[in-house]
């Protein structure tokens, strides 16, 4: 059986510097997660960890926030485009009448122009 290294302060295992650093990092990320949740950022723990690492590497936090917001906007637009593409395909399959397809495309155009105005 392997023996654990015990400290003279009550028999608790000694903490190495790396253990202390890991514990501090986990505690810091816990605090960042709590702040993120309070602010409703919608960022998960892994994304927050990456953001913290980027900031520690010298990335401007405001620029990083801007990029995240832009990525979210573009992702939302992409989701709407995919929904519209599904609508077009459905219209072509369900509505063989050319006039109905044109109306479907007009509706699609209105949806897209609404999204681009946001």
PDB file of N, CA and C in Angstrom:
ATOM      1  N   UNK A   1       0.830  -1.173   0.000  1.00  0.00           N
ATOM      2  CA  UNK A   1       0.000   0.000   0.000  1.00  0.00           C
ATOM      3  C   UNK A   1       0.881   1.246   0.000  1.00  0.00           C
ATOM      4  N   UNK A   2       0.555   2.203  -0.844  1.00  0.00           N
ATOM      5  CA  UNK A   2       1.340   3.434  -0.912  1.00  0.00           C
ATOM      6  C   UNK A   2       0.955   4.342   0.234  1.00  0.00           C
ATOM      7  N   UNK A   3       1.959   4.957   0.835  1.00  0.00           N
ATOM      8  CA  UNK A   3       1.688   5.871   1.945  1.00  0.00           C
ATOM      9  C   UNK A   3       1.521   7.280   1.411  1.00  0.00           C
ATOM     10  N   UNK A   4       0.577   8.011   2.010  1.00  0.00           N
ATOM     11  CA  UNK A   4       0.372   9.397   1.635  1.00  0.00           C
ATOM     12  C   UNK A   4       1.307  10.263   2.457  1.00  0.00           C
ATOM     13  N   UNK A   5       1.773  11.298   1.845  1.00  0.00           N
ATOM     14  CA  UNK A   5       2.601  12.248   2.566  1.00  0.00           C
ATOM     15  C   UNK A   5       1.694  13.092   3.450  1.00  0.00           C
ATOM     16  N   UNK A   6       1.958  13.082   4.735  1.00  0.00           N
ATOM     17  CA  UNK A   6       1.105  13.810   5.668  1.00  0.00           C
ATOM     18  C   UNK A   6       1.847  15.001   6.242  1.00  0.00           C
ATOM     19  N   UNK A   7       1.138  16.073   6.401  1.00  0.00           N
ATOM     20  CA  UNK A   7       1.710  17.268   6.999  1.00  0.00           C
ATOM     21  C   UNK A   7       1.632  17.147   8.510  1.00  0.00           C
ATOM     22  N   UNK A   8       2.369  17.994   9.183  1.00  0.00           N
ATOM     23  CA  UNK A   8       2.358  17.960  10.642  1.00  0.00           C
ATOM     24  C   UNK A   8       1.153  18.693  11.221  1.00  0.00           C
ATOM     25  N   UNK A   9       0.288  19.247  10.378  1.00  0.00           N
ATOM     26  CA  UNK A   9      -0.862  20.025  10.857  1.00  0.00           C
ATOM     27  C   UNK A   9      -2.145  19.198  10.821  1.00  0.00           C
ATOM     28  N   UNK A  10      -2.234  18.185  11.631  1.00  0.00           N
ATOM     29  CA  UNK A  10      -3.475  17.434  11.758  1.00  0.00           C
ATOM     30  C   UNK A  10      -3.585  16.240  10.837  1.00  0.00           C
ATOM     31  N   UNK A  11      -2.560  15.891  10.127  1.00  0.00           N
ATOM     32  CA  UNK A  11      -2.593  14.705   9.312  1.00  0.00           C
ATOM     33  C   UNK A  11      -3.224  14.869   7.944  1.00  0.00           C
ATOM     34  N   UNK A  12      -3.468  16.092   7.484  1.00  0.00           N
ATOM     35  CA  UNK A  12      -4.045  16.299   6.154  1.00  0.00           C
ATOM     36  C   UNK A  12      -2.957  16.170   5.104  1.00  0.00           C
ATOM     37  N   UNK A  13      -3.314  15.632   3.922  1.00  0.00           N
ATOM     38  CA  UNK A  13      -2.307  15.537   2.850  1.00  0.00           C
ATOM     39  C   UNK A  13      -1.797  16.922   2.471  1.00  0.00           C
ATOM     40  N   UNK A  14      -0.519  17.004   2.163  1.00  0.00           N
ATOM     41  CA  UNK A  14       0.072  18.287   1.766  1.00  0.00           C
ATOM     42  C   UNK A  14      -0.445  18.694   0.395  1.00  0.00           C
ATOM     43  N   UNK A  15      -0.659  19.966   0.257  1.00  0.00           N
ATOM     44  CA  UNK A  15      -1.080  20.471  -1.052  1.00  0.00           C
ATOM     45  C   UNK A  15       0.149  20.991  -1.773  1.00  0.00           C
ATOM     46  N   UNK A  16       0.285  20.557  -2.984  1.00  0.00           N
ATOM     47  CA  UNK A  16       1.384  21.040  -3.796  1.00  0.00           C
ATOM     48  C   UNK A  16       0.990  22.365  -4.428  1.00  0.00           C
ATOM     49  N   UNK A  17       1.971  23.045  -4.971  1.00  0.00           N
ATOM     50  CA  UNK A  17       1.704  24.329  -5.630  1.00  0.00           C
ATOM     51  C   UNK A  17       0.741  24.145  -6.792  1.00  0.00           C
ATOM     52  N   UNK A  18       0.881  23.049  -7.545  1.00  0.00           N
ATOM     53  CA  UNK A  18      -0.014  22.836  -8.684  1.00  0.00           C
ATOM     54  C   UNK A  18      -1.452  22.605  -8.215  1.00  0.00           C
ATOM     55  N   UNK A  19      -1.632  21.904  -7.074  1.00  0.00           N
ATOM     56  CA  UNK A  19      -2.978  21.712  -6.533  1.00  0.00           C
ATOM     57  C   UNK A  19      -3.600  23.044  -6.142  1.00  0.00           C
ATOM     58  N   UNK A  20      -2.799  23.898  -5.529  1.00  0.00           N
ATOM     59  CA  UNK A  20      -3.293  25.217  -5.112  1.00  0.00           C
ATOM     60  C   UNK A  20      -3.685  26.032  -6.335  1.00  0.00           C
ATOM     61  N   UNK A  21      -2.862  25.979  -7.396  1.00  0.00           N
ATOM     62  CA  UNK A  21      -3.163  26.727  -8.620  1.00  0.00           C
ATOM     63  C   UNK A  21      -4.440  26.212  -9.278  1.00  0.00           C
ATOM     64  N   UNK A  22      -4.611  24.910  -9.318  1.00  0.00           N
ATOM     65  CA  UNK A  22      -5.818  24.332  -9.911  1.00  0.00           C
ATOM     66  C   UNK A  22      -7.042  24.730  -9.093  1.00  0.00           C
ATOM     67  N   UNK A  23      -6.927  24.647  -7.776  1.00  0.00           N
ATOM     68  CA  UNK A  23      -8.050  25.034  -6.909  1.00  0.00           C
ATOM     69  C   UNK A  23      -8.406  26.508  -7.099  1.00  0.00           C
ATOM     70  N   UNK A  24      -7.393  27.359  -7.214  1.00  0.00           N
ATOM     71  CA  UNK A  24      -7.639  28.785  -7.420  1.00  0.00           C
ATOM     72  C   UNK A  24      -8.310  29.029  -8.768  1.00  0.00           C
ATOM     73  N   UNK A  25      -7.868  28.308  -9.797  1.00  0.00           N
ATOM     74  CA  UNK A  25      -8.457  28.472 -11.131  1.00  0.00           C
ATOM     75  C   UNK A  25      -9.916  28.030 -11.136  1.00  0.00           C
ATOM     76  N   UNK A  26     -10.204  26.916 -10.476  1.00  0.00           N
ATOM     77  CA  UNK A  26     -11.583  26.419 -10.409  1.00  0.00           C
ATOM     78  C   UNK A  26     -12.453  27.417  -9.643  1.00  0.00           C
ATOM     79  N   UNK A  27     -11.932  27.930  -8.549  1.00  0.00           N
ATOM     80  CA  UNK A  27     -12.694  28.901  -7.749  1.00  0.00           C
ATOM     81  C   UNK A  27     -12.947  30.182  -8.547  1.00  0.00           C
ATOM     82  N   UNK A  28     -11.946  30.636  -9.277  1.00  0.00           N
ATOM     83  CA  UNK A  28     -12.104  31.837 -10.103  1.00  0.00           C
ATOM     84  C   UNK A  28     -13.158  31.612 -11.180  1.00  0.00           C
ATOM     85  N   UNK A  29     -13.106  30.459 -11.823  1.00  0.00           N
ATOM     86  CA  UNK A  29     -14.088  30.154 -12.869  1.00  0.00           C
ATOM     87  C   UNK A  29     -15.490  30.032 -12.278  1.00  0.00           C
ATOM     88  N   UNK A  30     -15.599  29.506 -11.060  1.00  0.00           N
ATOM     89  CA  UNK A  30     -16.902  29.453 -10.380  1.00  0.00           C
ATOM     90  C   UNK A  30     -17.475  30.857 -10.208  1.00  0.00           C
ATOM     91  N   UNK A  31     -16.621  31.772  -9.798  1.00  0.00           N
ATOM     92  CA  UNK A  31     -17.062  33.169  -9.578  1.00  0.00           C
ATOM     93  C   UNK A  31     -17.457  33.806 -10.905  1.00  0.00           C
ATOM     94  N   UNK A  32     -16.640  33.590 -11.938  1.00  0.00           N
ATOM     95  CA  UNK A  32     -16.951  34.132 -13.270  1.00  0.00           C
ATOM     96  C   UNK A  32     -18.278  33.566 -13.772  1.00  0.00           C
ATOM     97  N   UNK A  33     -18.512  32.272 -13.530  1.00  0.00           N
ATOM     98  CA  UNK A  33     -19.770  31.641 -13.946  1.00  0.00           C
ATOM     99  C   UNK A  33     -20.960  32.264 -13.223  1.00  0.00           C
ATOM    100  N   UNK A  34     -20.803  32.512 -11.920  1.00  0.00           N
ATOM    101  CA  UNK A  34     -21.889  33.144 -11.161  1.00  0.00           C
ATOM    102  C   UNK A  34     -22.206  34.532 -11.696  1.00  0.00           C
ATOM    103  N   UNK A  35     -21.174  35.312 -11.980  1.00  0.00           N
ATOM    104  CA  UNK A  35     -21.373  36.659 -12.531  1.00  0.00           C
ATOM    105  C   UNK A  35     -22.047  36.564 -13.900  1.00  0.00           C
ATOM    106  N   UNK A  36     -21.574  35.638 -14.715  1.00  0.00           N
ATOM    107  CA  UNK A  36     -22.154  35.433 -16.045  1.00  0.00           C
ATOM    108  C   UNK A  36     -23.631  35.074 -15.954  1.00  0.00           C
ATOM    109  N   UNK A  37     -23.960  34.192 -15.014  1.00  0.00           N
ATOM    110  CA  UNK A  37     -25.363  33.799 -14.835  1.00  0.00           C
ATOM    111  C   UNK A  37     -26.212  34.975 -14.370  1.00  0.00           C
ATOM    112  N   UNK A  38     -25.672  35.777 -13.459  1.00  0.00           N
ATOM    113  CA  UNK A  38     -26.410  36.950 -12.972  1.00  0.00           C
ATOM    114  C   UNK A  38     -26.673  37.951 -14.096  1.00  0.00           C
ATOM    115  N   UNK A  39     -25.732  38.057 -15.014  1.00  0.00           N
ATOM    116  CA  UNK A  39     -25.869  38.994 -16.131  1.00  0.00           C
ATOM    117  C   UNK A  39     -26.589  38.386 -17.333  1.00  0.00           C
ATOM    118  N   UNK A  40     -27.004  37.127 -17.216  1.00  0.00           N
ATOM    119  CA  UNK A  40     -27.702  36.427 -18.312  1.00  0.00           C
ATOM    120  C   UNK A  40     -26.925  36.490 -19.627  1.00  0.00           C
ATOM    121  N   UNK A  41     -25.643  36.189 -19.570  1.00  0.00           N
ATOM    122  CA  UNK A  41     -24.833  36.233 -20.792  1.00  0.00           C
ATOM    123  C   UNK A  41     -25.119  35.055 -21.712  1.00  0.00           C
ATOM    124  N   UNK A  42     -25.588  33.949 -21.138  1.00  0.00           N
ATOM    125  CA  UNK A  42     -25.847  32.762 -21.938  1.00  0.00           C
ATOM    126  C   UNK A  42     -24.589  31.980 -22.287  1.00  0.00           C
ATOM    127  N   UNK A  43     -23.474  32.335 -21.675  1.00  0.00           N
ATOM    128  CA  UNK A  43     -22.226  31.632 -21.948  1.00  0.00           C
ATOM    129  C   UNK A  43     -22.086  30.442 -21.009  1.00  0.00           C
ATOM    130  N   UNK A  44     -21.710  29.300 -21.568  1.00  0.00           N
ATOM    131  CA  UNK A  44     -21.505  28.119 -20.726  1.00  0.00           C
ATOM    132  C   UNK A  44     -20.107  28.174 -20.100  1.00  0.00           C
ATOM    133  N   UNK A  45     -19.854  27.227 -19.221  1.00  0.00           N
ATOM    134  CA  UNK A  45     -18.602  27.220 -18.464  1.00  0.00           C
ATOM    135  C   UNK A  45     -17.378  27.085 -19.378  1.00  0.00           C
ATOM    136  N   UNK A  46     -17.467  26.242 -20.383  1.00  0.00           N
ATOM    137  CA  UNK A  46     -16.334  26.045 -21.297  1.00  0.00           C
ATOM    138  C   UNK A  46     -16.040  27.328 -22.073  1.00  0.00           C
ATOM    139  N   UNK A  47     -17.094  27.981 -22.559  1.00  0.00           N
ATOM    140  CA  UNK A  47     -16.912  29.239 -23.302  1.00  0.00           C
ATOM    141  C   UNK A  47     -16.321  30.310 -22.403  1.00  0.00           C
ATOM    142  N   UNK A  48     -16.808  30.389 -21.156  1.00  0.00           N
ATOM    143  CA  UNK A  48     -16.243  31.355 -20.209  1.00  0.00           C
ATOM    144  C   UNK A  48     -14.771  31.081 -19.958  1.00  0.00           C
ATOM    145  N   UNK A  49     -14.429  29.818 -19.832  1.00  0.00           N
ATOM    146  CA  UNK A  49     -13.032  29.447 -19.608  1.00  0.00           C
ATOM    147  C   UNK A  49     -12.164  29.904 -20.774  1.00  0.00           C
ATOM    148  N   UNK A  50     -12.652  29.703 -21.982  1.00  0.00           N
ATOM    149  CA  UNK A  50     -11.911  30.143 -23.168  1.00  0.00           C
ATOM    150  C   UNK A  50     -11.780  31.666 -23.178  1.00  0.00           C
ATOM    151  N   UNK A  51     -12.852  32.367 -22.833  1.00  0.00           N
ATOM    152  CA  UNK A  51     -12.820  33.834 -22.789  1.00  0.00           C
ATOM    153  C   UNK A  51     -11.801  34.332 -21.765  1.00  0.00           C
ATOM    154  N   UNK A  52     -11.783  33.702 -20.594  1.00  0.00           N
ATOM    155  CA  UNK A  52     -10.818  34.095 -19.556  1.00  0.00           C
ATOM    156  C   UNK A  52      -9.398  33.863 -20.070  1.00  0.00           C
ATOM    157  N   UNK A  53      -9.162  32.727 -20.702  1.00  0.00           N
ATOM    158  CA  UNK A  53      -7.828  32.436 -21.239  1.00  0.00           C
ATOM    159  C   UNK A  53      -7.420  33.449 -22.296  1.00  0.00           C
ATOM    160  N   UNK A  54      -8.370  33.825 -23.158  1.00  0.00           N
ATOM    161  CA  UNK A  54      -8.069  34.821 -24.189  1.00  0.00           C
ATOM    162  C   UNK A  54      -7.730  36.175 -23.566  1.00  0.00           C
ATOM    163  N   UNK A  55      -8.484  36.567 -22.549  1.00  0.00           N
ATOM    164  CA  UNK A  55      -8.208  37.839 -21.871  1.00  0.00           C
ATOM    165  C   UNK A  55      -6.850  37.802 -21.172  1.00  0.00           C
ATOM    166  N   UNK A  56      -6.539  36.667 -20.546  1.00  0.00           N
ATOM    167  CA  UNK A  56      -5.229  36.523 -19.903  1.00  0.00           C
ATOM    168  C   UNK A  56      -4.097  36.567 -20.924  1.00  0.00           C
ATOM    169  N   UNK A  57      -4.387  36.174 -22.157  1.00  0.00           N
ATOM    170  CA  UNK A  57      -3.380  36.199 -23.227  1.00  0.00           C
ATOM    171  C   UNK A  57      -3.257  37.589 -23.860  1.00  0.00           C
ATOM    172  N   UNK A  58      -4.078  38.532 -23.394  1.00  0.00           N
ATOM    173  CA  UNK A  58      -3.951  39.906 -23.874  1.00  0.00           C
ATOM    174  C   UNK A  58      -5.033  40.378 -24.825  1.00  0.00           C
ATOM    175  N   UNK A  59      -6.031  39.554 -25.093  1.00  0.00           N
ATOM    176  CA  UNK A  59      -7.129  39.980 -25.962  1.00  0.00           C
ATOM    177  C   UNK A  59      -7.965  41.027 -25.236  1.00  0.00           C
ATOM    178  N   UNK A  60      -8.346  42.068 -25.957  1.00  0.00           N
ATOM    179  CA  UNK A  60      -9.179  43.126 -25.385  1.00  0.00           C
ATOM    180  C   UNK A  60     -10.565  42.556 -25.066  1.00  0.00           C
ATOM    181  N   UNK A  61     -11.008  42.634 -23.793  1.00  0.00           N
ATOM    182  CA  UNK A  61     -12.309  42.074 -23.408  1.00  0.00           C
ATOM    183  C   UNK A  61     -13.488  42.677 -24.172  1.00  0.00           C
ATOM    184  N   UNK A  62     -13.423  43.989 -24.462  1.00  0.00           N
ATOM    185  CA  UNK A  62     -14.512  44.629 -25.200  1.00  0.00           C
ATOM    186  C   UNK A  62     -14.578  44.105 -26.630  1.00  0.00           C
ATOM    187  N   UNK A  63     -13.417  43.897 -27.238  1.00  0.00           N
ATOM    188  CA  UNK A  63     -13.385  43.350 -28.599  1.00  0.00           C
ATOM    189  C   UNK A  63     -13.905  41.915 -28.601  1.00  0.00           C
ATOM    190  N   UNK A  64     -13.547  41.163 -27.579  1.00  0.00           N
ATOM    191  CA  UNK A  64     -14.018  39.782 -27.472  1.00  0.00           C
ATOM    192  C   UNK A  64     -15.540  39.747 -27.309  1.00  0.00           C
ATOM    193  N   UNK A  65     -16.071  40.630 -26.479  1.00  0.00           N
ATOM    194  CA  UNK A  65     -17.525  40.707 -26.293  1.00  0.00           C
ATOM    195  C   UNK A  65     -18.216  41.063 -27.608  1.00  0.00           C
ATOM    196  N   UNK A  66     -17.634  41.987 -28.358  1.00  0.00           N
ATOM    197  CA  UNK A  66     -18.202  42.371 -29.648  1.00  0.00           C
ATOM    198  C   UNK A  66     -18.231  41.188 -30.608  1.00  0.00           C
ATOM    199  N   UNK A  67     -17.144  40.438 -30.665  1.00  0.00           N
ATOM    200  CA  UNK A  67     -17.072  39.274 -31.562  1.00  0.00           C
ATOM    201  C   UNK A  67     -18.119  38.233 -31.171  1.00  0.00           C
ATOM    202  N   UNK A  68     -18.284  38.000 -29.877  1.00  0.00           N
ATOM    203  CA  UNK A  68     -19.289  37.031 -29.412  1.00  0.00           C
ATOM    204  C   UNK A  68     -20.688  37.482 -29.808  1.00  0.00           C
ATOM    205  N   UNK A  69     -20.977  38.767 -29.642  1.00  0.00           N
ATOM    206  CA  UNK A  69     -22.290  39.286 -30.028  1.00  0.00           C
ATOM    207  C   UNK A  69     -22.520  39.138 -31.527  1.00  0.00           C
ATOM    208  N   UNK A  70     -21.500  39.438 -32.328  1.00  0.00           N
ATOM    209  CA  UNK A  70     -21.635  39.308 -33.784  1.00  0.00           C
ATOM    210  C   UNK A  70     -21.840  37.855 -34.188  1.00  0.00           C
ATOM    211  N   UNK A  71     -21.108  36.949 -33.552  1.00  0.00           N
ATOM    212  CA  UNK A  71     -21.285  35.531 -33.854  1.00  0.00           C
ATOM    213  C   UNK A  71     -22.703  35.076 -33.531  1.00  0.00           C
ATOM    214  N   UNK A  72     -23.243  35.571 -32.426  1.00  0.00           N
ATOM    215  CA  UNK A  72     -24.622  35.217 -32.071  1.00  0.00           C
ATOM    216  C   UNK A  72     -25.606  35.748 -33.099  1.00  0.00           C
ATOM    217  N   UNK A  73     -25.413  36.988 -33.543  1.00  0.00           N
ATOM    218  CA  UNK A  73     -26.307  37.569 -34.560  1.00  0.00           C
ATOM    219  C   UNK A  73     -26.248  36.761 -35.855  1.00  0.00           C
ATOM    220  N   UNK A  74     -25.035  36.463 -36.286  1.00  0.00           N
ATOM    221  CA  UNK A  74     -24.877  35.713 -37.531  1.00  0.00           C
ATOM    222  C   UNK A  74     -25.461  34.310 -37.405  1.00  0.00           C
ATOM    223  N   UNK A  75     -25.284  33.697 -36.244  1.00  0.00           N
ATOM    224  CA  UNK A  75     -25.855  32.369 -36.024  1.00  0.00           C
ATOM    225  C   UNK A  75     -27.372  32.433 -36.097  1.00  0.00           C
ATOM    226  N   UNK A  76     -27.957  33.465 -35.504  1.00  0.00           N
ATOM    227  CA  UNK A  76     -29.414  33.625 -35.540  1.00  0.00           C
ATOM    228  C   UNK A  76     -29.886  33.832 -36.968  1.00  0.00           C
ATOM    229  N   UNK A  77     -29.170  34.659 -37.734  1.00  0.00           N
ATOM    230  CA  UNK A  77     -29.532  34.878 -39.135  1.00  0.00           C
ATOM    231  C   UNK A  77     -29.452  33.566 -39.913  1.00  0.00           C
ATOM    232  N   UNK A  78     -28.403  32.801 -39.655  1.00  0.00           N
ATOM    233  CA  UNK A  78     -28.239  31.529 -40.347  1.00  0.00           C
ATOM    234  C   UNK A  78     -29.398  30.594 -40.033  1.00  0.00           C
ATOM    235  N   UNK A  79     -29.821  30.568 -38.766  1.00  0.00           N
ATOM    236  CA  UNK A  79     -30.955  29.712 -38.389  1.00  0.00           C
ATOM    237  C   UNK A  79     -32.210  30.134 -39.139  1.00  0.00           C
ATOM    238  N   UNK A  80     -32.431  31.436 -39.246  1.00  0.00           N
ATOM    239  CA  UNK A  80     -33.610  31.934 -39.959  1.00  0.00           C
ATOM    240  C   UNK A  80     -33.508  31.596 -41.443  1.00  0.00           C
ATOM    241  N   UNK A  81     -32.322  31.728 -42.007  1.00  0.00           N
ATOM    242  CA  UNK A  81     -32.133  31.385 -43.421  1.00  0.00           C
ATOM    243  C   UNK A  81     -32.449  29.916 -43.656  1.00  0.00           C
ATOM    244  N   UNK A  82     -32.007  29.060 -42.747  1.00  0.00           N
ATOM    245  CA  UNK A  82     -32.278  27.627 -42.894  1.00  0.00           C
ATOM    246  C   UNK A  82     -33.783  27.349 -42.799  1.00  0.00           C
ATOM    247  N   UNK A  83     -34.465  28.047 -41.894  1.00  0.00           N
ATOM    248  CA  UNK A  83     -35.921  27.885 -41.780  1.00  0.00           C
ATOM    249  C   UNK A  83     -36.589  28.346 -43.072  1.00  0.00           C
ATOM    250  N   UNK A  84     -36.126  29.473 -43.600  1.00  0.00           N
ATOM    251  CA  UNK A  84     -36.699  29.983 -44.847  1.00  0.00           C
ATOM    252  C   UNK A  84     -36.445  29.025 -46.007  1.00  0.00           C
ATOM    253  N   UNK A  85     -35.270  28.442 -46.038  1.00  0.00           N
ATOM    254  CA  UNK A  85     -34.973  27.470 -47.096  1.00  0.00           C
ATOM    255  C   UNK A  85     -35.911  26.275 -46.987  1.00  0.00           C
ATOM    256  N   UNK A  86     -36.183  25.847 -45.765  1.00  0.00           N
ATOM    257  CA  UNK A  86     -37.139  24.751 -45.569  1.00  0.00           C
ATOM    258  C   UNK A  86     -38.532  25.140 -46.051  1.00  0.00           C
ATOM    259  N   UNK A  87     -38.892  26.408 -45.792  1.00  0.00           N
ATOM    260  CA  UNK A  87     -40.205  26.890 -46.229  1.00  0.00           C
ATOM    261  C   UNK A  87     -40.284  26.880 -47.752  1.00  0.00           C
ATOM    262  N   UNK A  88     -39.218  27.327 -48.400  1.00  0.00           N
ATOM    263  CA  UNK A  88     -39.214  27.351 -49.866  1.00  0.00           C
ATOM    264  C   UNK A  88     -39.348  25.942 -50.425  1.00  0.00           C
ATOM    265  N   UNK A  89     -38.571  25.021 -49.875  1.00  0.00           N
ATOM    266  CA  UNK A  89     -38.645  23.635 -50.340  1.00  0.00           C
ATOM    267  C   UNK A  89     -40.041  23.087 -50.112  1.00  0.00           C
ATOM    268  N   UNK A  90     -40.610  23.362 -48.943  1.00  0.00           N
ATOM    269  CA  UNK A  90     -41.960  22.883 -48.648  1.00  0.00           C
ATOM    270  C   UNK A  90     -42.967  23.482 -49.612  1.00  0.00           C
ATOM    271  N   UNK A  91     -42.817  24.766 -49.898  1.00  0.00           N
ATOM    272  CA  UNK A  91     -43.745  25.421 -50.823  1.00  0.00           C
ATOM    273  C   UNK A  91     -43.664  24.786 -52.205  1.00  0.00           C
ATOM    274  N   UNK A  92     -42.472  24.490 -52.641  1.00  0.00           N
ATOM    275  CA  UNK A  92     -42.314  23.887 -53.966  1.00  0.00           C
ATOM    276  C   UNK A  92     -42.896  22.482 -54.000  1.00  0.00           C
ATOM    277  N   UNK A  93     -42.790  21.764 -52.897  1.00  0.00           N
ATOM    278  CA  UNK A  93     -43.313  20.399 -52.865  1.00  0.00           C
ATOM    279  C   UNK A  93     -44.830  20.364 -52.666  1.00  0.00           C
ATOM    280  N   UNK A  94     -45.304  21.238 -51.781  1.00  0.00           N
ATOM    281  CA  UNK A  94     -46.728  21.207 -51.414  1.00  0.00           C
ATOM    282  C   UNK A  94     -47.565  22.038 -52.368  1.00  0.00           C
ATOM    283  N   UNK A  95     -47.010  23.142 -52.850  1.00  0.00           N
ATOM    284  CA  UNK A  95     -47.778  24.073 -53.663  1.00  0.00           C
ATOM    285  C   UNK A  95     -47.233  24.104 -55.092  1.00  0.00           C
ATOM    286  N   UNK A  96     -47.698  23.211 -55.924  1.00  0.00           N
ATOM    287  CA  UNK A  96     -47.157  23.174 -57.281  1.00  0.00           C
ATOM    288  C   UNK A  96     -47.572  24.382 -58.121  1.00  0.00           C
ATOM    289  N   UNK A  97     -48.629  25.064 -57.718  1.00  0.00           N
ATOM    290  CA  UNK A  97     -49.111  26.231 -58.447  1.00  0.00           C
ATOM    291  C   UNK A  97     -48.058  27.341 -58.370  1.00  0.00           C
ATOM    292  N   UNK A  98     -47.682  27.891 -59.509  1.00  0.00           N
ATOM    293  CA  UNK A  98     -46.632  28.911 -59.572  1.00  0.00           C
ATOM    294  C   UNK A  98     -46.986  30.138 -58.737  1.00  0.00           C
ATOM    295  N   UNK A  99     -48.228  30.574 -58.774  1.00  0.00           N
ATOM    296  CA  UNK A  99     -48.670  31.747 -58.018  1.00  0.00           C
ATOM    297  C   UNK A  99     -48.464  31.517 -56.513  1.00  0.00           C
ATOM    298  N   UNK A 100     -48.771  30.325 -56.061  1.00  0.00           N
ATOM    299  CA  UNK A 100     -48.606  30.012 -54.642  1.00  0.00           C
ATOM    300  C   UNK A 100     -47.126  30.014 -54.251  1.00  0.00           C
ATOM    301  N   UNK A 101     -46.289  29.536 -55.150  1.00  0.00           N
ATOM    302  CA  UNK A 101     -44.853  29.541 -54.876  1.00  0.00           C
ATOM    303  C   UNK A 101     -44.350  30.981 -54.790  1.00  0.00           C
ATOM    304  N   UNK A 102     -44.825  31.847 -55.682  1.00  0.00           N
ATOM    305  CA  UNK A 102     -44.419  33.244 -55.633  1.00  0.00           C
ATOM    306  C   UNK A 102     -44.843  33.896 -54.323  1.00  0.00           C
ATOM    307  N   UNK A 103     -46.061  33.586 -53.862  1.00  0.00           N
ATOM    308  CA  UNK A 103     -46.512  34.128 -52.575  1.00  0.00           C
ATOM    309  C   UNK A 103     -45.633  33.621 -51.431  1.00  0.00           C
ATOM    310  N   UNK A 104     -45.269  32.364 -51.501  1.00  0.00           N
ATOM    311  CA  UNK A 104     -44.401  31.775 -50.493  1.00  0.00           C
ATOM    312  C   UNK A 104     -43.045  32.494 -50.488  1.00  0.00           C
ATOM    313  N   UNK A 105     -42.527  32.784 -51.670  1.00  0.00           N
ATOM    314  CA  UNK A 105     -41.254  33.499 -51.770  1.00  0.00           C
ATOM    315  C   UNK A 105     -41.376  34.922 -51.238  1.00  0.00           C
ATOM    316  N   UNK A 106     -42.510  35.567 -51.470  1.00  0.00           N
ATOM    317  CA  UNK A 106     -42.721  36.914 -50.919  1.00  0.00           C
ATOM    318  C   UNK A 106     -42.715  36.882 -49.394  1.00  0.00           C
ATOM    319  N   UNK A 107     -43.389  35.898 -48.842  1.00  0.00           N
ATOM    320  CA  UNK A 107     -43.405  35.751 -47.378  1.00  0.00           C
ATOM    321  C   UNK A 107     -41.981  35.545 -46.880  1.00  0.00           C
ATOM    322  N   UNK A 108     -41.258  34.708 -47.583  1.00  0.00           N
ATOM    323  CA  UNK A 108     -39.868  34.450 -47.235  1.00  0.00           C
ATOM    324  C   UNK A 108     -39.045  35.741 -47.272  1.00  0.00           C
ATOM    325  N   UNK A 109     -39.253  36.546 -48.309  1.00  0.00           N
ATOM    326  CA  UNK A 109     -38.538  37.816 -48.441  1.00  0.00           C
ATOM    327  C   UNK A 109     -38.859  38.745 -47.271  1.00  0.00           C
ATOM    328  N   UNK A 110     -40.125  38.805 -46.887  1.00  0.00           N
ATOM    329  CA  UNK A 110     -40.507  39.655 -45.763  1.00  0.00           C
ATOM    330  C   UNK A 110     -39.857  39.198 -44.465  1.00  0.00           C
ATOM    331  N   UNK A 111     -39.784  37.900 -44.278  1.00  0.00           N
ATOM    332  CA  UNK A 111     -39.125  37.369 -43.079  1.00  0.00           C
ATOM    333  C   UNK A 111     -37.654  37.766 -43.090  1.00  0.00           C
ATOM    334  N   UNK A 112     -37.004  37.595 -44.225  1.00  0.00           N
ATOM    335  CA  UNK A 112     -35.576  37.908 -44.310  1.00  0.00           C
ATOM    336  C   UNK A 112     -35.303  39.390 -44.131  1.00  0.00           C
ATOM    337  N   UNK A 113     -36.150  40.255 -44.690  1.00  0.00           N
ATOM    338  CA  UNK A 113     -35.913  41.680 -44.528  1.00  0.00           C
ATOM    339  C   UNK A 113     -36.139  42.101 -43.082  1.00  0.00           C
ATOM    340  N   UNK A 114     -37.045  41.427 -42.377  1.00  0.00           N
ATOM    341  CA  UNK A 114     -37.251  41.701 -40.957  1.00  0.00           C
ATOM    342  C   UNK A 114     -36.016  41.308 -40.157  1.00  0.00           C
ATOM    343  N   UNK A 115     -35.429  40.184 -40.477  1.00  0.00           N
ATOM    344  CA  UNK A 115     -34.234  39.715 -39.761  1.00  0.00           C
ATOM    345  C   UNK A 115     -33.070  40.630 -40.016  1.00  0.00           C
ATOM    346  N   UNK A 116     -32.883  41.084 -41.243  1.00  0.00           N
ATOM    347  CA  UNK A 116     -31.741  41.938 -41.552  1.00  0.00           C
ATOM    348  C   UNK A 116     -31.869  43.325 -40.926  1.00  0.00           C
ATOM    349  N   UNK A 117     -33.097  43.739 -40.583  1.00  0.00           N
ATOM    350  CA  UNK A 117     -33.290  45.037 -39.942  1.00  0.00           C
ATOM    351  C   UNK A 117     -32.982  45.009 -38.449  1.00  0.00           C
ATOM    352  N   UNK A 118     -32.888  43.833 -37.849  1.00  0.00           N
ATOM    353  CA  UNK A 118     -32.643  43.729 -36.408  1.00  0.00           C
ATOM    354  C   UNK A 118     -31.220  44.006 -36.055  1.00  0.00           C
TER     355      UNK A 118
END
